[in-house]
N, C-alpha and C. Protein backbone atom coordinates (compact mmCIF):
# COMPACT_ATOMS: atom_id res chain seq x y z
N MET A 1 1.28 18.60 -2.89
CA MET A 1 0.37 19.41 -2.10
C MET A 1 1.19 20.31 -1.25
N SER A 2 0.90 21.67 -1.27
CA SER A 2 1.61 22.66 -0.46
C SER A 2 1.33 22.36 1.00
N PRO A 3 2.35 22.56 1.88
CA PRO A 3 2.18 22.31 3.27
C PRO A 3 1.13 23.16 3.91
N THR A 4 0.85 24.36 3.32
CA THR A 4 -0.12 25.22 3.93
C THR A 4 -1.55 24.95 3.47
N VAL A 5 -1.75 24.09 2.48
CA VAL A 5 -3.02 23.74 1.91
C VAL A 5 -3.50 22.46 2.54
N THR A 6 -4.71 22.43 3.05
CA THR A 6 -5.29 21.18 3.70
C THR A 6 -5.80 20.27 2.56
N ALA A 7 -6.03 19.03 2.95
CA ALA A 7 -6.54 18.06 1.91
C ALA A 7 -7.86 18.52 1.36
N GLU A 8 -8.74 19.14 2.20
CA GLU A 8 -10.01 19.52 1.64
C GLU A 8 -9.87 20.71 0.73
N GLU A 9 -8.95 21.68 1.03
CA GLU A 9 -8.78 22.79 0.16
C GLU A 9 -8.20 22.46 -1.14
N SER A 10 -7.31 21.47 -1.22
CA SER A 10 -6.63 21.06 -2.41
C SER A 10 -7.50 20.45 -3.45
N ILE A 11 -8.71 19.98 -3.06
CA ILE A 11 -9.55 19.20 -4.00
C ILE A 11 -10.68 20.05 -4.61
N PHE A 12 -10.73 21.33 -4.29
CA PHE A 12 -11.72 22.17 -4.92
C PHE A 12 -11.46 22.29 -6.41
N LEU A 13 -12.55 22.46 -7.19
CA LEU A 13 -12.44 22.61 -8.67
C LEU A 13 -12.88 23.97 -9.02
N LEU A 14 -12.20 24.60 -10.05
CA LEU A 14 -12.58 25.89 -10.57
C LEU A 14 -13.48 25.67 -11.78
N GLU A 15 -14.70 26.10 -11.72
CA GLU A 15 -15.63 25.95 -12.84
C GLU A 15 -15.89 27.31 -13.44
N PRO A 16 -15.72 27.46 -14.78
CA PRO A 16 -15.91 28.76 -15.47
C PRO A 16 -17.28 29.32 -15.15
N GLY A 17 -17.25 30.61 -14.71
CA GLY A 17 -18.49 31.34 -14.38
C GLY A 17 -19.16 30.95 -13.07
N GLN A 18 -18.68 29.92 -12.36
CA GLN A 18 -19.30 29.46 -11.12
C GLN A 18 -18.33 29.55 -9.99
N GLY A 19 -17.07 29.76 -10.18
CA GLY A 19 -16.11 29.82 -9.10
C GLY A 19 -15.64 28.38 -8.61
N TRP A 20 -15.15 28.32 -7.36
CA TRP A 20 -14.68 27.09 -6.88
C TRP A 20 -15.79 26.25 -6.19
N ARG A 21 -15.77 24.96 -6.37
CA ARG A 21 -16.69 24.06 -5.74
C ARG A 21 -16.03 22.73 -5.49
N ARG A 22 -16.54 21.97 -4.41
CA ARG A 22 -16.06 20.64 -4.18
C ARG A 22 -16.86 19.65 -4.97
N PRO A 23 -16.15 18.65 -5.59
CA PRO A 23 -16.87 17.58 -6.25
C PRO A 23 -17.78 16.90 -5.24
N SER A 24 -18.92 16.39 -5.71
CA SER A 24 -19.88 15.78 -4.83
C SER A 24 -19.35 14.61 -4.10
N TRP A 25 -18.39 13.87 -4.64
CA TRP A 25 -17.84 12.68 -3.94
C TRP A 25 -16.97 13.02 -2.76
N THR A 26 -16.74 14.25 -2.52
CA THR A 26 -15.84 14.72 -1.45
C THR A 26 -16.64 15.14 -0.22
N HIS A 27 -17.98 15.08 -0.27
CA HIS A 27 -18.77 15.58 0.86
C HIS A 27 -18.65 14.71 2.10
N SER A 28 -18.34 13.47 1.93
CA SER A 28 -18.11 12.59 3.09
C SER A 28 -16.68 12.76 3.49
N ARG A 29 -16.44 13.34 4.73
CA ARG A 29 -15.12 13.54 5.19
C ARG A 29 -14.33 12.28 5.27
N ASP A 30 -14.94 11.20 5.73
CA ASP A 30 -14.21 9.88 5.84
C ASP A 30 -13.76 9.40 4.46
N ASP A 31 -14.58 9.49 3.48
CA ASP A 31 -14.24 9.04 2.14
C ASP A 31 -13.11 9.90 1.60
N LEU A 32 -13.20 11.20 1.82
CA LEU A 32 -12.15 12.15 1.33
C LEU A 32 -10.86 11.84 2.02
N GLN A 33 -10.90 11.63 3.34
CA GLN A 33 -9.64 11.38 4.07
C GLN A 33 -9.00 10.06 3.60
N ARG A 34 -9.83 9.02 3.37
CA ARG A 34 -9.25 7.72 2.89
C ARG A 34 -8.59 7.92 1.48
N ILE A 35 -9.19 8.67 0.59
CA ILE A 35 -8.62 8.92 -0.74
C ILE A 35 -7.34 9.70 -0.55
N VAL A 36 -7.35 10.74 0.25
CA VAL A 36 -6.21 11.54 0.40
C VAL A 36 -5.03 10.75 0.95
N ASP A 37 -5.32 9.94 1.94
CA ASP A 37 -4.25 9.11 2.61
C ASP A 37 -3.70 8.16 1.60
N LEU A 38 -4.50 7.51 0.74
CA LEU A 38 -4.02 6.65 -0.27
C LEU A 38 -3.16 7.33 -1.26
N LEU A 39 -3.61 8.54 -1.73
CA LEU A 39 -2.85 9.25 -2.72
C LEU A 39 -1.56 9.78 -2.05
N ARG A 40 -1.61 10.22 -0.83
CA ARG A 40 -0.37 10.71 -0.14
C ARG A 40 0.63 9.60 0.02
N ALA A 41 0.14 8.38 0.28
CA ALA A 41 1.05 7.25 0.37
C ALA A 41 1.51 6.79 -0.96
N CYS A 42 0.91 7.18 -2.01
CA CYS A 42 1.24 6.75 -3.41
C CYS A 42 1.25 5.27 -3.57
N LEU A 43 0.22 4.71 -3.06
CA LEU A 43 0.16 3.18 -3.02
C LEU A 43 -0.68 2.65 -4.13
N PRO A 44 -0.03 1.94 -5.06
CA PRO A 44 -0.79 1.26 -6.11
C PRO A 44 -1.36 -0.04 -5.54
N ILE A 45 -2.57 0.11 -4.92
CA ILE A 45 -3.10 -1.01 -4.17
C ILE A 45 -3.45 -2.15 -5.15
N ASP A 46 -4.04 -1.87 -6.36
CA ASP A 46 -4.39 -2.96 -7.26
C ASP A 46 -3.10 -3.73 -7.65
N GLU A 47 -2.00 -3.11 -7.86
CA GLU A 47 -0.78 -3.78 -8.22
C GLU A 47 -0.27 -4.60 -7.08
N ALA A 48 -0.36 -4.07 -5.84
CA ALA A 48 0.12 -4.84 -4.67
C ALA A 48 -0.75 -6.06 -4.46
N TYR A 49 -2.10 -5.94 -4.70
CA TYR A 49 -2.94 -7.16 -4.56
C TYR A 49 -2.56 -8.15 -5.72
N ASP A 50 -2.40 -7.75 -6.89
CA ASP A 50 -1.99 -8.61 -7.96
C ASP A 50 -0.62 -9.34 -7.69
N ASP A 51 0.30 -8.57 -7.15
CA ASP A 51 1.67 -9.18 -6.83
C ASP A 51 1.49 -10.16 -5.71
N VAL A 52 0.73 -9.89 -4.72
CA VAL A 52 0.56 -10.85 -3.65
C VAL A 52 -0.16 -12.09 -4.13
N ALA A 53 -1.20 -11.92 -4.96
CA ALA A 53 -1.88 -13.12 -5.55
C ALA A 53 -0.91 -14.02 -6.39
N THR A 54 -0.04 -13.32 -7.14
CA THR A 54 0.88 -14.13 -7.96
C THR A 54 1.93 -14.80 -7.10
N ALA A 55 2.35 -14.14 -6.05
CA ALA A 55 3.47 -14.71 -5.17
C ALA A 55 2.99 -15.79 -4.34
N VAL A 56 1.78 -15.73 -3.77
CA VAL A 56 1.34 -16.77 -2.88
C VAL A 56 0.71 -18.04 -3.63
N GLY A 57 0.55 -17.90 -4.90
CA GLY A 57 0.07 -19.03 -5.66
C GLY A 57 -1.24 -18.77 -6.35
N GLY A 58 -2.04 -19.80 -6.36
CA GLY A 58 -3.30 -19.68 -7.06
C GLY A 58 -3.14 -20.32 -8.47
N ASP A 59 -3.57 -19.56 -9.52
CA ASP A 59 -3.53 -20.07 -10.93
C ASP A 59 -2.09 -20.07 -11.45
N ALA A 60 -1.29 -19.07 -11.06
CA ALA A 60 0.05 -18.95 -11.66
C ALA A 60 1.09 -18.78 -10.55
N THR A 61 2.28 -19.32 -10.77
CA THR A 61 3.42 -19.13 -9.85
C THR A 61 4.46 -18.43 -10.66
N PRO A 62 5.23 -17.43 -10.09
CA PRO A 62 6.23 -16.79 -10.82
C PRO A 62 7.28 -17.72 -11.31
N THR A 63 7.85 -17.43 -12.45
CA THR A 63 8.93 -18.18 -13.04
C THR A 63 10.22 -17.83 -12.27
N GLU A 64 11.28 -18.64 -12.44
CA GLU A 64 12.51 -18.40 -11.77
C GLU A 64 13.11 -17.02 -12.06
N GLY A 65 12.88 -16.57 -13.28
CA GLY A 65 13.42 -15.22 -13.66
C GLY A 65 12.62 -14.15 -13.08
N GLU A 66 11.27 -14.41 -12.87
CA GLU A 66 10.38 -13.33 -12.28
C GLU A 66 10.53 -13.14 -10.81
N ILE A 67 11.00 -14.19 -10.08
CA ILE A 67 11.02 -14.13 -8.66
C ILE A 67 11.92 -12.97 -8.12
N PRO A 68 13.09 -12.80 -8.60
CA PRO A 68 13.94 -11.62 -8.14
C PRO A 68 13.22 -10.28 -8.36
N LEU A 69 12.48 -10.17 -9.47
CA LEU A 69 11.76 -8.93 -9.76
C LEU A 69 10.69 -8.69 -8.77
N PHE A 70 9.96 -9.74 -8.40
CA PHE A 70 8.86 -9.61 -7.42
C PHE A 70 9.46 -9.25 -6.02
N ILE A 71 10.55 -9.94 -5.66
CA ILE A 71 11.20 -9.65 -4.39
C ILE A 71 11.58 -8.20 -4.32
N ALA A 72 12.11 -7.65 -5.47
CA ALA A 72 12.56 -6.25 -5.49
C ALA A 72 11.33 -5.37 -5.29
N ARG A 73 10.19 -5.74 -5.95
CA ARG A 73 8.98 -4.91 -5.87
C ARG A 73 8.51 -4.94 -4.39
N PHE A 74 8.56 -6.03 -3.72
CA PHE A 74 8.10 -6.03 -2.31
C PHE A 74 9.10 -5.34 -1.42
N ARG A 75 10.35 -5.62 -1.57
CA ARG A 75 11.36 -5.10 -0.65
C ARG A 75 11.74 -3.58 -1.01
N GLY A 76 11.67 -3.23 -2.29
CA GLY A 76 11.98 -1.90 -2.65
C GLY A 76 13.40 -1.84 -3.31
N THR A 77 13.62 -0.84 -4.04
CA THR A 77 14.93 -0.60 -4.70
C THR A 77 15.33 0.86 -4.46
N ALA A 78 16.42 1.22 -5.09
CA ALA A 78 16.88 2.65 -4.88
C ALA A 78 15.90 3.60 -5.52
N ASP A 79 15.15 3.14 -6.52
CA ASP A 79 14.25 4.01 -7.20
C ASP A 79 12.75 3.91 -6.73
N SER A 80 12.51 2.82 -5.92
CA SER A 80 11.10 2.62 -5.51
C SER A 80 11.13 2.10 -4.07
N PRO A 81 10.24 2.62 -3.28
CA PRO A 81 10.22 2.16 -1.78
C PRO A 81 9.73 0.73 -1.61
N GLY A 82 9.07 0.16 -2.58
CA GLY A 82 8.56 -1.14 -2.45
C GLY A 82 7.23 -1.27 -1.72
N HIS A 83 6.49 -2.40 -1.98
CA HIS A 83 5.15 -2.58 -1.38
C HIS A 83 5.22 -2.51 0.11
N LEU A 84 6.13 -3.28 0.78
CA LEU A 84 6.08 -3.33 2.26
C LEU A 84 6.34 -1.97 2.86
N THR A 85 7.33 -1.22 2.37
CA THR A 85 7.59 0.13 2.97
C THR A 85 6.36 1.05 2.83
N VAL A 86 5.75 1.09 1.63
CA VAL A 86 4.62 1.96 1.42
C VAL A 86 3.43 1.48 2.21
N LEU A 87 3.20 0.19 2.32
CA LEU A 87 2.04 -0.34 3.05
C LEU A 87 2.27 -0.07 4.56
N ILE A 88 3.47 -0.17 5.07
CA ILE A 88 3.70 0.11 6.50
C ILE A 88 3.39 1.62 6.80
N ASP A 89 3.92 2.43 5.93
CA ASP A 89 3.63 3.86 6.09
C ASP A 89 2.15 4.22 6.06
N ALA A 90 1.44 3.56 5.07
CA ALA A 90 0.00 3.88 4.96
C ALA A 90 -0.76 3.37 6.18
N VAL A 91 -0.40 2.14 6.68
CA VAL A 91 -1.13 1.68 7.83
C VAL A 91 -0.83 2.46 9.04
N GLU A 92 0.44 2.95 9.24
CA GLU A 92 0.79 3.73 10.40
C GLU A 92 0.07 5.13 10.40
N LYS A 93 -0.31 5.62 9.24
CA LYS A 93 -0.97 6.92 9.16
C LYS A 93 -2.43 6.80 9.49
N ARG A 94 -3.04 5.62 9.43
CA ARG A 94 -4.47 5.47 9.74
C ARG A 94 -4.71 5.60 11.16
N GLN A 95 -5.97 5.88 11.48
CA GLN A 95 -6.39 5.95 12.93
C GLN A 95 -6.23 4.52 13.51
N PRO A 96 -6.04 4.44 14.81
CA PRO A 96 -5.88 3.13 15.46
C PRO A 96 -7.14 2.32 15.22
N GLY A 97 -6.96 1.09 14.96
CA GLY A 97 -8.06 0.14 14.76
C GLY A 97 -8.57 -0.48 16.03
N ASP A 98 -9.37 -1.56 15.87
CA ASP A 98 -9.90 -2.22 17.12
C ASP A 98 -8.83 -2.80 17.94
N ASP A 99 -7.69 -3.25 17.34
CA ASP A 99 -6.61 -3.87 18.07
C ASP A 99 -5.29 -3.30 17.69
N PRO A 100 -4.88 -2.23 18.33
CA PRO A 100 -3.55 -1.61 17.96
C PRO A 100 -2.38 -2.58 18.15
N HIS A 101 -2.52 -3.50 19.10
CA HIS A 101 -1.42 -4.42 19.28
C HIS A 101 -1.23 -5.41 18.03
N GLU A 102 -2.36 -5.76 17.45
CA GLU A 102 -2.29 -6.60 16.21
C GLU A 102 -1.63 -5.77 15.13
N ARG A 103 -2.02 -4.55 14.97
CA ARG A 103 -1.43 -3.66 13.93
C ARG A 103 0.10 -3.63 14.17
N GLU A 104 0.56 -3.30 15.43
CA GLU A 104 1.91 -3.17 15.72
C GLU A 104 2.64 -4.43 15.40
N ARG A 105 2.07 -5.57 15.76
CA ARG A 105 2.69 -6.93 15.48
C ARG A 105 2.88 -7.14 13.99
N LEU A 106 1.80 -6.83 13.21
CA LEU A 106 1.97 -7.02 11.72
C LEU A 106 2.92 -6.12 11.11
N ILE A 107 2.98 -4.86 11.54
CA ILE A 107 3.95 -3.91 11.00
C ILE A 107 5.38 -4.37 11.43
N PHE A 108 5.62 -4.78 12.62
CA PHE A 108 6.88 -5.30 13.07
C PHE A 108 7.25 -6.51 12.22
N ARG A 109 6.38 -7.42 12.04
CA ARG A 109 6.63 -8.66 11.21
C ARG A 109 6.96 -8.23 9.79
N ALA A 110 6.30 -7.29 9.21
CA ALA A 110 6.62 -6.93 7.82
C ALA A 110 7.97 -6.32 7.75
N ARG A 111 8.37 -5.45 8.68
CA ARG A 111 9.70 -4.85 8.71
C ARG A 111 10.77 -5.92 8.84
N GLN A 112 10.53 -6.91 9.75
CA GLN A 112 11.48 -7.98 9.95
C GLN A 112 11.63 -8.83 8.73
N VAL A 113 10.52 -9.19 8.04
CA VAL A 113 10.61 -10.01 6.84
C VAL A 113 11.35 -9.28 5.69
N ARG A 114 11.11 -7.92 5.65
CA ARG A 114 11.80 -7.14 4.63
C ARG A 114 13.31 -7.15 4.88
N ALA A 115 13.74 -6.97 6.12
CA ALA A 115 15.09 -6.99 6.48
C ALA A 115 15.75 -8.31 6.28
N GLU A 116 15.04 -9.34 6.70
CA GLU A 116 15.62 -10.73 6.59
C GLU A 116 15.88 -11.12 5.15
N THR A 117 14.93 -10.88 4.28
CA THR A 117 15.06 -11.28 2.94
C THR A 117 16.19 -10.55 2.19
N ALA A 118 16.54 -9.40 2.70
CA ALA A 118 17.64 -8.64 2.14
C ALA A 118 18.98 -9.23 2.45
N THR A 119 19.10 -10.03 3.55
CA THR A 119 20.42 -10.49 4.02
C THR A 119 20.50 -12.02 4.06
N ARG A 120 19.40 -12.71 4.13
CA ARG A 120 19.47 -14.20 4.32
C ARG A 120 19.49 -14.86 2.97
N THR A 121 20.40 -15.95 2.98
CA THR A 121 20.57 -16.68 1.74
C THR A 121 20.18 -18.21 1.95
N ASP A 122 19.77 -18.52 3.24
CA ASP A 122 19.50 -19.92 3.49
C ASP A 122 18.06 -20.31 3.20
N ARG A 123 17.29 -19.38 2.62
CA ARG A 123 15.93 -19.73 2.27
C ARG A 123 15.85 -19.70 0.72
N THR A 124 14.88 -20.42 0.20
CA THR A 124 14.73 -20.41 -1.23
C THR A 124 14.18 -19.03 -1.70
N PRO A 125 14.49 -18.64 -2.96
CA PRO A 125 13.95 -17.34 -3.46
C PRO A 125 12.34 -17.35 -3.42
N LEU A 126 11.78 -18.47 -3.79
CA LEU A 126 10.27 -18.47 -3.78
C LEU A 126 9.75 -18.41 -2.35
N GLY A 127 10.49 -19.01 -1.44
CA GLY A 127 10.05 -18.95 -0.07
C GLY A 127 10.16 -17.52 0.45
N ASN A 128 11.26 -16.84 0.11
CA ASN A 128 11.35 -15.44 0.54
C ASN A 128 10.24 -14.61 -0.08
N LEU A 129 9.98 -14.88 -1.35
CA LEU A 129 8.90 -14.10 -1.98
C LEU A 129 7.58 -14.32 -1.33
N ARG A 130 7.26 -15.55 -0.91
CA ARG A 130 5.99 -15.81 -0.33
C ARG A 130 5.91 -15.21 1.05
N ARG A 131 6.94 -15.17 1.79
CA ARG A 131 6.99 -14.50 3.06
C ARG A 131 6.66 -13.00 2.96
N LEU A 132 7.38 -12.35 1.98
CA LEU A 132 7.10 -10.93 1.66
C LEU A 132 5.68 -10.71 1.31
N ALA A 133 5.13 -11.58 0.45
CA ALA A 133 3.78 -11.41 0.02
C ALA A 133 2.75 -11.60 1.12
N SER A 134 3.09 -12.54 2.00
CA SER A 134 2.22 -12.80 3.12
C SER A 134 2.15 -11.61 4.11
N ALA A 135 3.29 -11.00 4.33
CA ALA A 135 3.32 -9.84 5.16
C ALA A 135 2.58 -8.63 4.47
N ALA A 136 2.79 -8.55 3.18
CA ALA A 136 2.09 -7.45 2.45
C ALA A 136 0.52 -7.70 2.48
N GLU A 137 0.13 -8.94 2.36
CA GLU A 137 -1.25 -9.28 2.36
C GLU A 137 -1.93 -8.88 3.71
N ASP A 138 -1.20 -9.12 4.83
CA ASP A 138 -1.76 -8.78 6.17
C ASP A 138 -1.88 -7.21 6.23
N LEU A 139 -0.91 -6.51 5.71
CA LEU A 139 -1.01 -5.01 5.76
C LEU A 139 -2.11 -4.51 4.88
N LEU A 140 -2.28 -5.17 3.71
CA LEU A 140 -3.41 -4.76 2.82
C LEU A 140 -4.73 -4.93 3.52
N GLU A 141 -4.87 -6.01 4.20
CA GLU A 141 -6.17 -6.29 4.97
C GLU A 141 -6.41 -5.28 5.98
N LEU A 142 -5.33 -4.76 6.66
CA LEU A 142 -5.51 -3.76 7.66
C LEU A 142 -5.88 -2.45 7.02
N LEU A 143 -5.25 -2.21 5.90
CA LEU A 143 -5.45 -0.96 5.19
C LEU A 143 -6.82 -0.76 4.52
N LEU A 144 -7.28 -1.88 3.91
CA LEU A 144 -8.51 -1.88 3.20
C LEU A 144 -9.37 -3.08 3.58
N PRO A 145 -9.91 -3.11 4.82
CA PRO A 145 -10.76 -4.26 5.18
C PRO A 145 -12.02 -4.29 4.36
N ASP A 146 -12.62 -5.43 4.30
CA ASP A 146 -13.94 -5.69 3.65
C ASP A 146 -13.93 -5.21 2.19
N ASP A 147 -12.82 -5.44 1.41
CA ASP A 147 -12.84 -5.24 -0.02
C ASP A 147 -13.25 -3.79 -0.35
N GLU A 148 -12.70 -2.78 0.28
CA GLU A 148 -13.01 -1.41 -0.09
C GLU A 148 -12.54 -1.15 -1.48
N ALA A 149 -12.93 -0.01 -2.07
CA ALA A 149 -12.65 0.36 -3.41
C ALA A 149 -11.13 0.31 -3.64
N VAL A 150 -10.73 -0.18 -4.82
CA VAL A 150 -9.38 -0.25 -5.24
C VAL A 150 -8.97 1.10 -5.71
N ALA A 151 -7.82 1.60 -5.31
CA ALA A 151 -7.32 2.90 -5.69
C ALA A 151 -5.84 2.77 -6.10
N SER A 152 -5.41 3.74 -6.90
CA SER A 152 -4.01 3.73 -7.26
C SER A 152 -3.50 5.17 -7.43
N CYS A 153 -2.20 5.36 -7.44
CA CYS A 153 -1.62 6.63 -7.63
C CYS A 153 -1.93 7.23 -9.01
N PRO A 154 -2.03 8.51 -9.09
CA PRO A 154 -2.19 9.12 -10.42
C PRO A 154 -0.90 8.89 -11.28
N ALA A 155 -1.05 8.78 -12.52
CA ALA A 155 0.14 8.62 -13.34
C ALA A 155 1.08 9.79 -13.33
C-alpha cells in the first residue's frame, strides 16, 4: 500500500462503465479497519490457531521431529517473523482495550517467552513449545475476542 493512500482509498474497485466504488462489505468502518489491520500485520490467524491447538495438546501432540519446526514457527526465523512477533505487533496496533495493563502484561510475557526459548536449554523442547503456544494463545484472544471471523494473508 502506498504511504499516501489511506486504507479506505486502497480498497475501491474499478468497474467497467461505472467508475470506482467501494465493495458493500467495506461500509462499516470498524470492519474495514479490522480487515486492514490484519492484512497489514500479514497474520495467518487460522494457521496460528492450528499451531496453538497442536502444541498445547488435544487430539494430537507434535512428534519429536515436528517440535523444532513448531518452535521455529512461533519464535520466527531469518525468513519469517514468527507467530509471536506478528501477534505482538498486531495487538499493539489495536486500540486500547478494557484493561491496557493486561495487554501490556501479556505482550511482555510473550516477548520474554520468545527470548527465553531462544537461549535456554534446561527445559524440554515440548515444554518450550507449549509455553510459546500459551503466550500466542493469549495474544490471539486479545486480537480476536469472541471467535471473530478467521482471516489470513493473501497468497
